[in-house]
C-alpha atoms as a PDB file:
ATOM      1  CA  MET A   1      91.402  24.414  67.888  1.00  0.00           C
ATOM      2  CA  ALA A   2      94.557  22.917  66.554  1.00  0.00           C
ATOM      3  CA  LEU A   3      93.203  19.400  66.977  1.00  0.00           C
ATOM      4  CA  LEU A   4      90.130  20.161  64.942  1.00  0.00           C
ATOM      5  CA  LEU A   5      92.144  21.665  62.138  1.00  0.00           C
ATOM      6  CA  ARG A   6      94.353  18.634  62.001  1.00  0.00           C
ATOM      7  CA  ARG A   7      91.421  16.280  61.674  1.00  0.00           C
ATOM      8  CA  SER A   8      89.866  18.333  58.962  1.00  0.00           C
ATOM      9  CA  LEU A   9      93.117  18.586  57.045  1.00  0.00           C
ATOM     10  CA  PHE A  10      93.841  14.896  57.222  1.00  0.00           C
ATOM     11  CA  PRO A  11      90.505  13.111  57.263  1.00  0.00           C
ATOM     12  CA  GLN A  12      91.692  10.105  55.276  1.00  0.00           C
ATOM     13  CA  ARG A  13      94.697   9.490  57.469  1.00  0.00           C
ATOM     14  CA  PHE A  14      92.609   9.643  60.601  1.00  0.00           C
ATOM     15  CA  ALA A  15      90.081   7.147  59.262  1.00  0.00           C
ATOM     16  CA  LEU A  16      92.876   4.767  58.245  1.00  0.00           C
ATOM     17  CA  CYS A  17      94.356   4.946  61.737  1.00  0.00           C
ATOM     18  CA  ARG A  18      91.106   3.931  63.336  1.00  0.00           C
ATOM     19  CA  VAL A  19      90.740   0.953  61.013  1.00  0.00           C
ATOM     20  CA  LEU A  20      94.275  -0.325  61.632  1.00  0.00           C
ATOM     21  CA  SER A  21      94.150   0.352  65.320  1.00  0.00           C
ATOM     22  CA  THR A  22      93.957  -2.604  67.659  1.00  0.00           C
ATOM     23  CA  ASP A  23      91.542  -0.776  69.860  1.00  0.00           C
ATOM     24  CA  ALA A  24      88.786  -0.720  67.145  1.00  0.00           C
ATOM     25  CA  PRO A  25      85.726  -2.831  67.921  1.00  0.00           C
ATOM     26  CA  ALA A  26      85.506  -6.151  65.923  1.00  0.00           C
ATOM     27  CA  MET A  27      82.683  -6.607  63.418  1.00  0.00           C
ATOM     28  CA  ASP A  28      80.222  -9.233  64.509  1.00  0.00           C
ATOM     29  CA  GLU A  29      79.096 -10.513  61.061  1.00  0.00           C
ATOM     30  CA  GLU A  30      80.338 -10.197  57.476  1.00  0.00           C
ATOM     31  CA  PHE A  31      78.188  -9.560  54.410  1.00  0.00           C
ATOM     32  CA  ARG A  32      77.425 -12.667  52.402  1.00  0.00           C
ATOM     33  CA  THR A  33      78.007 -12.631  48.696  1.00  0.00           C
ATOM     34  CA  ILE A  34      75.068 -13.231  46.411  1.00  0.00           C
ATOM     35  CA  ASP A  35      75.558 -16.006  43.906  1.00  0.00           C
ATOM     36  CA  LEU A  36      73.173 -15.249  41.077  1.00  0.00           C
ATOM     37  CA  TYR A  37      74.337 -18.120  38.847  1.00  0.00           C
ATOM     38  CA  GLN A  38      74.630 -21.280  40.808  1.00  0.00           C
ATOM     39  CA  ARG A  39      77.401 -23.379  39.354  1.00  0.00           C
ATOM     40  CA  ASN A  40      78.134 -26.940  40.098  1.00  0.00           C
ATOM     41  CA  THR A  41      81.527 -27.347  41.531  1.00  0.00           C
ATOM     42  CA  GLU A  42      81.784 -30.859  40.269  1.00  0.00           C
ATOM     43  CA  GLU A  43      83.625 -31.301  37.032  1.00  0.00           C
ATOM     44  CA  ARG A  44      81.429 -32.135  34.117  1.00  0.00           C
ATOM     45  CA  LYS A  45      82.241 -35.056  31.977  1.00  0.00           C
ATOM     46  CA  MET A  46      82.142 -33.869  28.381  1.00  0.00           C
ATOM     47  CA  THR A  47      80.681 -36.600  26.184  1.00  0.00           C
ATOM     48  CA  ARG A  48      80.494 -35.791  22.486  1.00  0.00           C
ATOM     49  CA  THR A  49      78.173 -37.865  20.349  1.00  0.00           C
ATOM     50  CA  ASN A  50      78.467 -37.878  16.564  1.00  0.00           C
ATOM     51  CA  ARG A  51      74.970 -37.337  15.177  1.00  0.00           C
ATOM     52  CA  THR A  52      74.532 -38.327  11.544  1.00  0.00           C
ATOM     53  CA  ARG A  53      71.720 -36.560   9.670  1.00  0.00           C
ATOM     54  CA  GLN A  54      69.799 -38.905   7.442  1.00  0.00           C
ATOM     55  CA  ILE A  55      69.113 -37.392   4.010  1.00  0.00           C
ATOM     56  CA  ARG A  56      65.844 -38.515   2.513  1.00  0.00           C
ATOM     57  CA  GLN A  57      65.954 -39.912  -0.984  1.00  0.00           C
ATOM     58  CA  LYS A  58      64.356 -38.068  -3.853  1.00  0.00           C
ATOM     59  CA  ARG A  59      60.846 -38.892  -4.828  1.00  0.00           C
ATOM     60  CA  ALA A  60      62.010 -40.037  -8.240  1.00  0.00           C
ATOM     61  CA  ASP A  61      64.281 -42.637  -6.605  1.00  0.00           C
ATOM     62  CA  ARG A  62      61.586 -43.860  -4.226  1.00  0.00           C
ATOM     63  CA  MET A  63      58.899 -44.069  -6.882  1.00  0.00           C
ATOM     64  CA  PRO A  64      57.755 -47.624  -7.729  1.00  0.00           C
ATOM     65  CA  VAL A  65      57.528 -48.874 -11.270  1.00  0.00           C
ATOM     66  CA  ASP A  66      53.711 -49.075 -11.255  1.00  0.00           C
ATOM     67  CA  GLN A  67      53.257 -45.554  -9.875  1.00  0.00           C
ATOM     68  CA  HIS A  68      50.035 -43.779 -10.914  1.00  0.00           C
ATOM     69  CA  TRP A  69      51.576 -40.908 -12.838  1.00  0.00           C
ATOM     70  CA  PRO A  70      48.495 -38.582 -13.082  1.00  0.00           C
ATOM     71  CA  SER A  71      48.505 -38.353  -9.277  1.00  0.00           C
ATOM     72  CA  VAL A  72      52.175 -37.318  -9.343  1.00  0.00           C
ATOM     73  CA  TRP A  73      51.809 -34.719 -12.110  1.00  0.00           C
ATOM     74  CA  PRO A  74      48.093 -33.786 -12.198  1.00  0.00           C
ATOM     75  CA  VAL A  75      48.280 -30.301 -13.773  1.00  0.00           C
ATOM     76  CA  ALA A  76      50.642 -28.227 -15.891  1.00  0.00           C
ATOM     77  CA  ALA A  77      53.727 -27.208 -13.901  1.00  0.00           C
ATOM     78  CA  SER A  78      57.374 -26.349 -14.357  1.00  0.00           C
ATOM     79  CA  PHE A  79      59.869 -29.146 -14.608  1.00  0.00           C
ATOM     80  CA  LYS A  80      60.925 -30.646 -11.267  1.00  0.00           C
ATOM     81  CA  PRO A  81      63.996 -32.876 -11.433  1.00  0.00           C
ATOM     82  CA  SER A  82      63.304 -34.541  -8.086  1.00  0.00           C
ATOM     83  CA  VAL A  83      59.925 -35.833  -9.279  1.00  0.00           C
ATOM     84  CA  VAL A  84      60.535 -36.986 -12.842  1.00  0.00           C
ATOM     85  CA  PRO A  85      62.145 -40.485 -12.851  1.00  0.00           C
ATOM     86  CA  LEU A  86      63.676 -40.027 -16.296  1.00  0.00           C
ATOM     87  CA  PRO A  87      67.293 -39.206 -17.229  1.00  0.00           C
ATOM     88  CA  VAL A  88      66.308 -36.075 -19.128  1.00  0.00           C
ATOM     89  CA  ARG A  89      69.092 -33.879 -20.494  1.00  0.00           C
ATOM     90  CA  GLN A  90      68.891 -30.448 -22.078  1.00  0.00           C
ATOM     91  CA  GLY A  91      71.403 -27.824 -23.114  1.00  0.00           C
ATOM     92  CA  VAL A  92      74.630 -27.471 -25.037  1.00  0.00           C
ATOM     93  CA  ALA A  93      77.699 -29.094 -23.534  1.00  0.00           C
ATOM     94  CA  ARG A  94      81.156 -27.588 -23.621  1.00  0.00           C
ATOM     95  CA  LYS A  95      83.855 -29.464 -25.501  1.00  0.00           C
ATOM     96  CA  THR A  96      83.441 -33.222 -25.052  1.00  0.00           C
ATOM     97  CA  SER A  97      81.406 -33.250 -21.836  1.00  0.00           C
ATOM     98  CA  PRO A  98      77.968 -34.882 -21.888  1.00  0.00           C
ATOM     99  CA  PRO A  99      74.806 -32.766 -22.010  1.00  0.00           C
ATOM    100  CA  VAL A 100      73.652 -31.101 -18.834  1.00  0.00           C
ATOM    101  CA  ALA A 101      71.676 -33.363 -16.504  1.00  0.00           C
ATOM    102  CA  LYS A 102      68.226 -32.546 -15.192  1.00  0.00           C
ATOM    103  CA  GLU A 103      69.374 -31.386 -11.724  1.00  0.00           C
ATOM    104  CA  GLY A 104      69.539 -27.595 -11.672  1.00  0.00           C
ATOM    105  CA  ASN A 105      68.934 -27.336 -15.410  1.00  0.00           C
ATOM    106  CA  LEU A 106      67.302 -24.034 -16.283  1.00  0.00           C
ATOM    107  CA  GLU A 107      66.742 -25.037 -19.887  1.00  0.00           C
ATOM    108  CA  LEU A 108      64.221 -27.660 -18.795  1.00  0.00           C
ATOM    109  CA  MET A 109      62.392 -25.103 -16.687  1.00  0.00           C
ATOM    110  CA  LYS A 110      62.099 -22.575 -19.520  1.00  0.00           C
ATOM    111  CA  ILE A 111      60.166 -24.696 -21.978  1.00  0.00           C
ATOM    112  CA  PRO A 112      56.614 -25.949 -21.316  1.00  0.00           C
ATOM    113  CA  ASN A 113      56.121 -29.658 -20.819  1.00  0.00           C
ATOM    114  CA  PHE A 114      53.206 -32.002 -21.365  1.00  0.00           C
ATOM    115  CA  LEU A 115      53.867 -34.420 -18.523  1.00  0.00           C
ATOM    116  CA  HIS A 116      50.290 -33.925 -17.337  1.00  0.00           C
ATOM    117  CA  LEU A 117      48.834 -35.017 -20.698  1.00  0.00           C
ATOM    118  CA  THR A 118      49.890 -38.637 -20.792  1.00  0.00           C
ATOM    119  CA  PRO A 119      47.546 -41.154 -22.504  1.00  0.00           C
ATOM    120  CA  PRO A 120      46.177 -42.511 -19.173  1.00  0.00           C
ATOM    121  CA  ALA A 121      45.488 -38.960 -17.970  1.00  0.00           C
ATOM    122  CA  ILE A 122      43.699 -38.036 -21.201  1.00  0.00           C
ATOM    123  CA  GLU A 123      41.643 -41.220 -21.002  1.00  0.00           C
ATOM    124  CA  ALA A 124      40.635 -40.405 -17.417  1.00  0.00           C
ATOM    125  CA  HIS A 125      39.596 -36.876 -18.441  1.00  0.00           C
ATOM    126  CA  CYS A 126      37.537 -38.251 -21.323  1.00  0.00           C
ATOM    127  CA  GLU A 127      35.776 -40.702 -19.030  1.00  0.00           C
ATOM    128  CA  ALA A 128      34.952 -37.872 -16.631  1.00  0.00           C
ATOM    129  CA  LEU A 129      33.598 -35.654 -19.437  1.00  0.00           C
ATOM    130  CA  LYS A 130      31.677 -38.397 -21.203  1.00  0.00           C
ATOM    131  CA  LYS A 131      28.584 -37.914 -19.068  1.00  0.00           C
ATOM    132  CA  PHE A 132      28.325 -34.289 -20.189  1.00  0.00           C
ATOM    133  CA  CYS A 133      28.477 -35.132 -23.927  1.00  0.00           C
ATOM    134  CA  THR A 134      25.463 -35.544 -26.193  1.00  0.00           C
ATOM    135  CA  LYS A 135      24.832 -38.346 -28.646  1.00  0.00           C
ATOM    136  CA  TRP A 136      25.724 -38.079 -32.299  1.00  0.00           C
ATOM    137  CA  PRO A 137      22.730 -36.877 -34.371  1.00  0.00           C
ATOM    138  CA  GLU A 138      20.968 -39.729 -36.115  1.00  0.00           C
ATOM    139  CA  ALA A 139      20.444 -37.591 -39.223  1.00  0.00           C
ATOM    140  CA  LEU A 140      24.201 -37.511 -39.817  1.00  0.00           C
ATOM    141  CA  THR A 141      24.791 -41.245 -39.846  1.00  0.00           C
ATOM    142  CA  ASP A 142      24.824 -41.645 -43.626  1.00  0.00           C
ATOM    143  CA  ARG A 143      27.894 -42.257 -45.743  1.00  0.00           C
ATOM    144  CA  ARG A 144      28.430 -38.573 -46.490  1.00  0.00           C
ATOM    145  CA  SER A 145      29.071 -37.727 -42.841  1.00  0.00           C
ATOM    146  CA  LYS A 146      31.979 -40.176 -42.494  1.00  0.00           C
ATOM    147  CA  ASN A 147      35.106 -38.042 -42.613  1.00  0.00           C
ATOM    148  CA  TRP A 148      33.716 -35.828 -45.355  1.00  0.00           C
ATOM    149  CA  LEU A 149      35.073 -32.629 -43.769  1.00  0.00           C
ATOM    150  CA  THR A 150      38.490 -32.435 -42.121  1.00  0.00           C
ATOM    151  CA  ILE A 151      40.051 -29.331 -40.532  1.00  0.00           C
ATOM    152  CA  THR A 152      43.738 -29.620 -39.699  1.00  0.00           C
ATOM    153  CA  THR A 153      45.731 -27.250 -37.482  1.00  0.00           C
ATOM    154  CA  SER A 154      49.219 -27.569 -36.003  1.00  0.00           C
ATOM    155  CA  ASP A 155      50.758 -26.520 -32.691  1.00  0.00           C
ATOM    156  CA  TYR A 156      54.506 -26.033 -32.358  1.00  0.00           C
ATOM    157  CA  LEU A 157      56.686 -26.368 -29.271  1.00  0.00           C
ATOM    158  CA  ASN A 158      59.891 -24.332 -29.284  1.00  0.00           C
ATOM    159  CA  ALA A 159      62.750 -24.225 -26.777  1.00  0.00           C
ATOM    160  CA  GLY A 160      62.688 -20.474 -26.328  1.00  0.00           C
ATOM    161  CA  PRO A 161      61.325 -17.675 -24.171  1.00  0.00           C
ATOM    162  CA  SER A 162      58.120 -17.400 -26.252  1.00  0.00           C
ATOM    163  CA  ILE A 163      55.647 -20.120 -27.143  1.00  0.00           C
ATOM    164  CA  ARG A 164      54.261 -18.156 -30.112  1.00  0.00           C
ATOM    165  CA  ASP A 165      54.757 -19.504 -33.613  1.00  0.00           C
ATOM    166  CA  GLU A 166      53.459 -17.922 -36.811  1.00  0.00           C
ATOM    167  CA  ARG A 167      52.917 -21.308 -38.433  1.00  0.00           C
ATOM    168  CA  ALA A 168      50.229 -22.170 -35.875  1.00  0.00           C
ATOM    169  CA  ARG A 169      47.758 -19.845 -37.616  1.00  0.00           C
ATOM    170  CA  ILE A 170      47.650 -21.984 -40.797  1.00  0.00           C
ATOM    171  CA  VAL A 171      44.373 -23.879 -41.302  1.00  0.00           C
ATOM    172  CA  THR A 172      43.932 -26.698 -43.830  1.00  0.00           C
ATOM    173  CA  LEU A 173      40.370 -27.607 -44.822  1.00  0.00           C
ATOM    174  CA  LYS A 174      39.677 -30.808 -46.780  1.00  0.00           C
ATOM    175  CA  LEU A 175      36.250 -31.629 -48.188  1.00  0.00           C
ATOM    176  CA  ARG A 176      35.124 -34.611 -50.225  1.00  0.00           C
ATOM    177  CA  LEU A 177      33.294 -33.478 -53.314  1.00  0.00           C
ATOM    178  CA  LYS A 178      30.834 -36.377 -53.074  1.00  0.00           C
ATOM    179  CA  ALA A 179      29.393 -34.873 -49.901  1.00  0.00           C
ATOM    180  CA  LEU A 180      28.047 -31.834 -51.779  1.00  0.00           C
ATOM    181  CA  GLU A 181      24.831 -31.825 -53.769  1.00  0.00           C
ATOM    182  CA  LEU A 182      26.094 -30.902 -57.233  1.00  0.00           C
ATOM    183  CA  ASP A 183      24.949 -31.552 -60.760  1.00  0.00           C
ATOM    184  CA  LYS A 184      27.251 -31.855 -63.729  1.00  0.00           C
ATOM    185  CA  HIS A 185      27.392 -28.122 -64.453  1.00  0.00           C
ATOM    186  CA  SER A 186      27.899 -27.011 -60.843  1.00  0.00           C
ATOM    187  CA  ARG A 187      30.537 -29.680 -60.255  1.00  0.00           C
ATOM    188  CA  GLU A 188      32.569 -28.596 -63.263  1.00  0.00           C
ATOM    189  CA  LYS A 189      32.232 -24.929 -62.360  1.00  0.00           C
ATOM    190  CA  LEU A 190      33.222 -25.503 -58.724  1.00  0.00           C
ATOM    191  CA  ILE A 191      36.341 -27.399 -59.786  1.00  0.00           C
ATOM    192  CA  THR A 192      37.163 -24.633 -62.269  1.00  0.00           C
ATOM    193  CA  ILE A 193      36.787 -21.933 -59.597  1.00  0.00           C
ATOM    194  CA  LEU A 194      39.000 -23.716 -57.076  1.00  0.00           C
ATOM    195  CA  GLY A 195      41.617 -24.640 -59.673  1.00  0.00           C
ATOM    196  CA  GLU A 196      44.695 -26.283 -58.119  1.00  0.00           C
ATOM    197  CA  ARG A 197      42.877 -26.728 -54.810  1.00  0.00           C
ATOM    198  CA  TYR A 198      41.050 -29.745 -56.245  1.00  0.00           C
ATOM    199  CA  ASN A 199      42.750 -33.127 -55.879  1.00  0.00           C
ATOM    200  CA  ALA A 200      41.483 -35.336 -58.708  1.00  0.00           C
ATOM    201  CA  LYS A 201      43.025 -38.544 -57.339  1.00  0.00           C
ATOM    202  CA  LYS A 202      41.204 -38.339 -54.008  1.00  0.00           C
ATOM    203  CA  ASP A 203      38.245 -36.302 -55.340  1.00  0.00           C
ATOM    204  CA  GLU A 204      38.526 -33.729 -52.557  1.00  0.00           C
ATOM    205  CA  LEU A 205      38.954 -29.987 -52.148  1.00  0.00           C
ATOM    206  CA  VAL A 206      41.950 -28.695 -50.187  1.00  0.00           C
ATOM    207  CA  ILE A 207      41.837 -25.072 -48.995  1.00  0.00           C
ATOM    208  CA  VAL A 208      44.851 -23.723 -47.079  1.00  0.00           C
ATOM    209  CA  THR A 209      44.472 -20.293 -45.438  1.00  0.00           C
ATOM    210  CA  ASP A 210      47.231 -18.287 -43.768  1.00  0.00           C
ATOM    211  CA  ARG A 211      46.377 -14.671 -44.594  1.00  0.00           C
ATOM    212  CA  CYS A 212      44.930 -13.654 -41.236  1.00  0.00           C
ATOM    213  CA  PRO A 213      47.058 -13.341 -38.073  1.00  0.00           C
ATOM    214  CA  LEU A 214      44.842 -15.610 -35.946  1.00  0.00           C
ATOM    215  CA  ARG A 215      43.863 -19.229 -36.439  1.00  0.00           C
ATOM    216  CA  ARG A 216      40.208 -18.544 -35.805  1.00  0.00           C
ATOM    217  CA  GLN A 217      40.145 -15.866 -38.499  1.00  0.00           C
ATOM    218  CA  ASN A 218      41.725 -18.219 -41.036  1.00  0.00           C
ATOM    219  CA  LEU A 219      39.180 -20.913 -40.184  1.00  0.00           C
ATOM    220  CA  GLU A 220      36.280 -18.517 -40.706  1.00  0.00           C
ATOM    221  CA  TYR A 221      37.838 -17.288 -43.951  1.00  0.00           C
ATOM    222  CA  SER A 222      38.231 -20.818 -45.349  1.00  0.00           C
ATOM    223  CA  LEU A 223      34.606 -21.678 -44.521  1.00  0.00           C
ATOM    224  CA  PHE A 224      33.455 -18.430 -46.124  1.00  0.00           C
ATOM    225  CA  ALA A 225      35.496 -19.098 -49.289  1.00  0.00           C
ATOM    226  CA  LEU A 226      34.068 -22.617 -49.575  1.00  0.00           C
ATOM    227  CA  THR A 227      30.504 -21.378 -49.083  1.00  0.00           C
ATOM    228  CA  ALA A 228      30.921 -18.588 -51.648  1.00  0.00           C
ATOM    229  CA  ALA A 229      32.415 -20.963 -54.237  1.00  0.00           C
ATOM    230  CA  TYR A 230      29.610 -23.485 -53.695  1.00  0.00           C
ATOM    231  CA  HIS A 231      26.820 -20.949 -54.240  1.00  0.00           C
ATOM    232  CA  GLU A 232      28.638 -19.430 -57.217  1.00  0.00           C
ATOM    233  CA  SER A 233      28.858 -22.832 -58.893  1.00  0.00           C
ATOM    234  CA  TRP A 234      25.053 -23.067 -59.041  1.00  0.00           C
ATOM    235  CA  ILE A 235      24.765 -19.799 -60.967  1.00  0.00           C
ATOM    236  CA  THR A 236      24.578 -20.207 -64.751  1.00  0.00           C
ATOM    237  CA  GLU A 237      25.582 -17.198 -66.835  1.00  0.00           C
ATOM    238  CA  GLU A 238      24.326 -16.503 -70.349  1.00  0.00           C
ATOM    239  CA  TRP A 239      27.747 -16.841 -71.924  1.00  0.00           C
ATOM    240  CA  GLU A 240      28.027 -20.363 -70.518  1.00  0.00           C
ATOM    241  CA  LEU A 241      25.132 -21.421 -72.732  1.00  0.00           C
ATOM    242  CA  THR A 242      26.033 -19.554 -75.916  1.00  0.00           C
ATOM    243  CA  ASP A 243      29.761 -18.804 -76.068  1.00  0.00           C
ATOM    244  CA  ARG A 244      31.090 -21.991 -74.532  1.00  0.00           C
ATOM    245  CA  GLN A 245      33.110 -24.160 -76.905  1.00  0.00           C
ATOM    246  CA  GLU A 246      34.427 -27.695 -76.753  1.00  0.00           C
ATOM    247  CA  ALA A 247      37.852 -26.475 -75.598  1.00  0.00           C
ATOM    248  CA  ASP A 248      36.186 -24.847 -72.581  1.00  0.00           C
ATOM    249  CA  MET A 249      34.541 -28.081 -71.486  1.00  0.00           C
ATOM    250  CA  PHE A 250      35.821 -29.699 -68.342  1.00  0.00           C
ATOM    251  CA  GLU A 251      35.356 -33.164 -69.855  1.00  0.00           C
ATOM    252  CA  PHE A 252      34.986 -34.260 -73.437  1.00  0.00           C
ATOM    253  CA  THR A 253      31.396 -34.960 -74.445  1.00  0.00           C
ATOM    254  CA  TRP A 254      30.905 -37.307 -77.352  1.00  0.00           C
ATOM    255  CA  GLU A 255      27.218 -36.585 -77.835  1.00  0.00           C
ATOM    256  CA  ASP A 256      26.528 -33.698 -80.242  1.00  0.00           C
ATOM    257  CA  SER A 257      30.229 -33.084 -80.798  1.00  0.00           C
ATOM    258  CA  ARG A 258      31.997 -32.388 -84.077  1.00  0.00           C
ATOM    259  CA  SER A 259      33.860 -35.685 -83.800  1.00  0.00           C
ATOM    260  CA  GLU A 260      30.578 -37.589 -83.647  1.00  0.00           C
ATOM    261  CA  LYS A 261      29.257 -35.630 -86.639  1.00  0.00           C
ATOM    262  CA  TYR A 262      32.336 -36.371 -88.756  1.00  0.00           C
ATOM    263  CA  ALA A 263      32.347 -40.053 -87.738  1.00  0.00           C
ATOM    264  CA  LYS A 264      28.713 -40.508 -88.750  1.00  0.00           C
ATOM    265  CA  GLU A 265      29.262 -38.702 -92.058  1.00  0.00           C
ATOM    266  CA  TYR A 266      32.176 -41.003 -92.844  1.00  0.00           C
ATOM    267  CA  ALA A 267      30.180 -44.086 -91.819  1.00  0.00           C
ATOM    268  CA  SER A 268      27.338 -43.099 -94.141  1.00  0.00           C
ATOM    269  CA  GLN A 269      29.709 -42.906 -97.125  1.00  0.00           C
ATOM    270  CA  ALA A 270      31.733 -45.988 -96.231  1.00  0.00           C
ATOM    271  CA  LYS A 271      30.543 -49.566 -96.219  1.00  0.00           C
ATOM    272  CA  ASN A 272      30.177 -52.116 -93.439  1.00  0.00           C
ATOM    273  CA  VAL A 273      30.475 -49.593 -90.525  1.00  0.00           C
ATOM    274  CA  SER A 274      28.096 -50.415 -87.685  1.00  0.00           C
ATOM    275  CA  GLU A 275      26.897 -48.277 -84.795  1.00  0.00           C
ATOM    276  CA  LYS A 276      28.920 -50.379 -82.375  1.00  0.00           C
ATOM    277  CA  VAL A 277      32.132 -49.419 -84.152  1.00  0.00           C
ATOM    278  CA  ILE A 278      31.188 -45.734 -83.940  1.00  0.00           C
ATOM    279  CA  GLU A 279      30.466 -46.043 -80.187  1.00  0.00           C
ATOM    280  CA  GLU A 280      33.798 -47.776 -79.581  1.00  0.00           C
ATOM    281  CA  TYR A 281      35.536 -44.991 -81.473  1.00  0.00           C
ATOM    282  CA  GLY A 282      33.746 -42.373 -79.364  1.00  0.00           C
ATOM    283  CA  GLY A 283      34.724 -44.134 -76.123  1.00  0.00           C
ATOM    284  CA  ALA A 284      38.376 -44.389 -77.146  1.00  0.00           C
ATOM    285  CA  LEU A 285      38.442 -40.719 -78.152  1.00  0.00           C
ATOM    286  CA  LYS A 286      36.855 -39.628 -74.849  1.00  0.00           C
ATOM    287  CA  GLN A 287      39.306 -41.726 -72.838  1.00  0.00           C
ATOM    288  CA  LEU A 288      42.235 -40.230 -74.756  1.00  0.00           C
ATOM    289  CA  LYS A 289      41.141 -36.625 -74.207  1.00  0.00           C
ATOM    290  CA  ASP A 290      40.107 -36.994 -70.564  1.00  0.00           C
ATOM    291  CA  GLN A 291      42.932 -39.191 -69.254  1.00  0.00           C
ATOM    292  CA  GLY A 292      45.710 -37.982 -71.525  1.00  0.00           C
ATOM    293  CA  ASP A 293      47.926 -39.711 -74.009  1.00  0.00           C
ATOM    294  CA  ASN A 294      49.646 -42.842 -72.777  1.00  0.00           C
ATOM    295  CA  ILE A 295      50.539 -46.134 -74.379  1.00  0.00           C
ATOM    296  CA  TYR A 296      47.237 -47.802 -73.456  1.00  0.00           C
ATOM    297  CA  ASN A 297      44.962 -44.966 -74.583  1.00  0.00           C
ATOM    298  CA  LEU A 298      46.892 -44.474 -77.821  1.00  0.00           C
ATOM    299  CA  ASP A 299      46.714 -48.181 -78.610  1.00  0.00           C
ATOM    300  CA  ALA A 300      42.958 -48.262 -77.958  1.00  0.00           C
ATOM    301  CA  TYR A 301      42.424 -45.178 -80.134  1.00  0.00           C
ATOM    302  CA  LYS A 302      44.523 -46.718 -82.911  1.00  0.00           C
ATOM    303  CA  LYS A 303      42.425 -49.876 -82.953  1.00  0.00           C
ATOM    304  CA  ALA A 304      39.181 -47.857 -82.948  1.00  0.00           C
ATOM    305  CA  VAL A 305      40.315 -45.740 -85.930  1.00  0.00           C
ATOM    306  CA  LEU A 306      41.360 -48.816 -87.918  1.00  0.00           C
ATOM    307  CA  ALA A 307      38.008 -50.458 -87.193  1.00  0.00           C
ATOM    308  CA  LEU A 308      36.149 -47.309 -88.229  1.00  0.00           C
ATOM    309  CA  MET A 309      38.030 -47.082 -91.542  1.00  0.00           C
ATOM    310  CA  ASN A 310      37.688 -50.835 -92.069  1.00  0.00           C
ATOM    311  CA  LEU A 311      41.449 -51.344 -92.235  1.00  0.00           C
ATOM    312  CA  LYS A 312      43.408 -54.349 -91.136  1.00  0.00           C
ATOM    313  CA  THR A 313      45.723 -54.142 -88.151  1.00  0.00           C
ATOM    314  CA  PRO A 314      49.312 -54.085 -89.401  1.00  0.00           C
ATOM    315  CA  GLN A 315      51.283 -57.055 -88.189  1.00  0.00           C
ATOM    316  CA  SER A 316      54.666 -56.439 -86.666  1.00  0.00           C
ATOM    317  CA  GLN A 317      57.414 -57.881 -88.815  1.00  0.00           C
ATOM    318  CA  THR A 318      60.597 -59.069 -87.207  1.00  0.00           C
ATOM    319  CA  THR A 319      63.747 -59.601 -89.201  1.00  0.00           C
ATOM    320  CA  VAL A 320      66.291 -62.129 -88.089  1.00  0.00           C
ATOM    321  CA  GLN A 321      69.837 -61.427 -89.118  1.00  0.00           C
END
């Protein structure tokens, strides 16, 4: 009973005694350790190689001189500094430093560019679209159709966040007056209606419209104004036939004028005044009133008056001191 109690009270001590005892039976085999990661016992020779990474050149640097540019920049796109072989600069520099280069330049990316609309590219597009175009009408091959109507518009390119410009809505229409079928009355009335829009030196009408907000509206308005003025010029009012005086005439008319009446009355009373002298006087007077007074017109009018009055031309006397 006492032996059992002693074993139960000291179980660890009893087990240790059996292990250290020389009388304990020897173990036949030992457990082998599992080597999950097989490692080479030989020492590795560490060889470090310096690998140099080759950086490829930019396309702009590798581009030949005779490169076909439309294949490089075929459509509209933002600016790419690695593609454009030009030393483009944009932006404000600080102090005395040069302007900002094209690499990493946001100012060049903001604005639109026209690198896809080079002359060779436009020529290629025209050649491709030529087969879809129709021939010029044969009825419009006369002299009147050669640059008789010109419509001019302008597009503006700004370095800003918006590509809108109010000046782009302005439309300028130029029309040669010879291209219109007009008689003397309608021509004078059309020029009177248009006023300062008629250019007498080039004999053309110039209509500039900028009232509407859109370019298309201004173009339609200018064509409407020209059409309305043309049809109005063919209308003859009653007052134009009765109340119109010589001062209202667009050009001076010698026939049936008061000047012709007075000249013929004077010629009938005077002597040796031929019809040729009266016609020369009428031509000089018409030239003076239509073209204005200058040294040539005044001299011609002076000679015609002296010939009409049968007076001698005064000779210039020079005194020598």
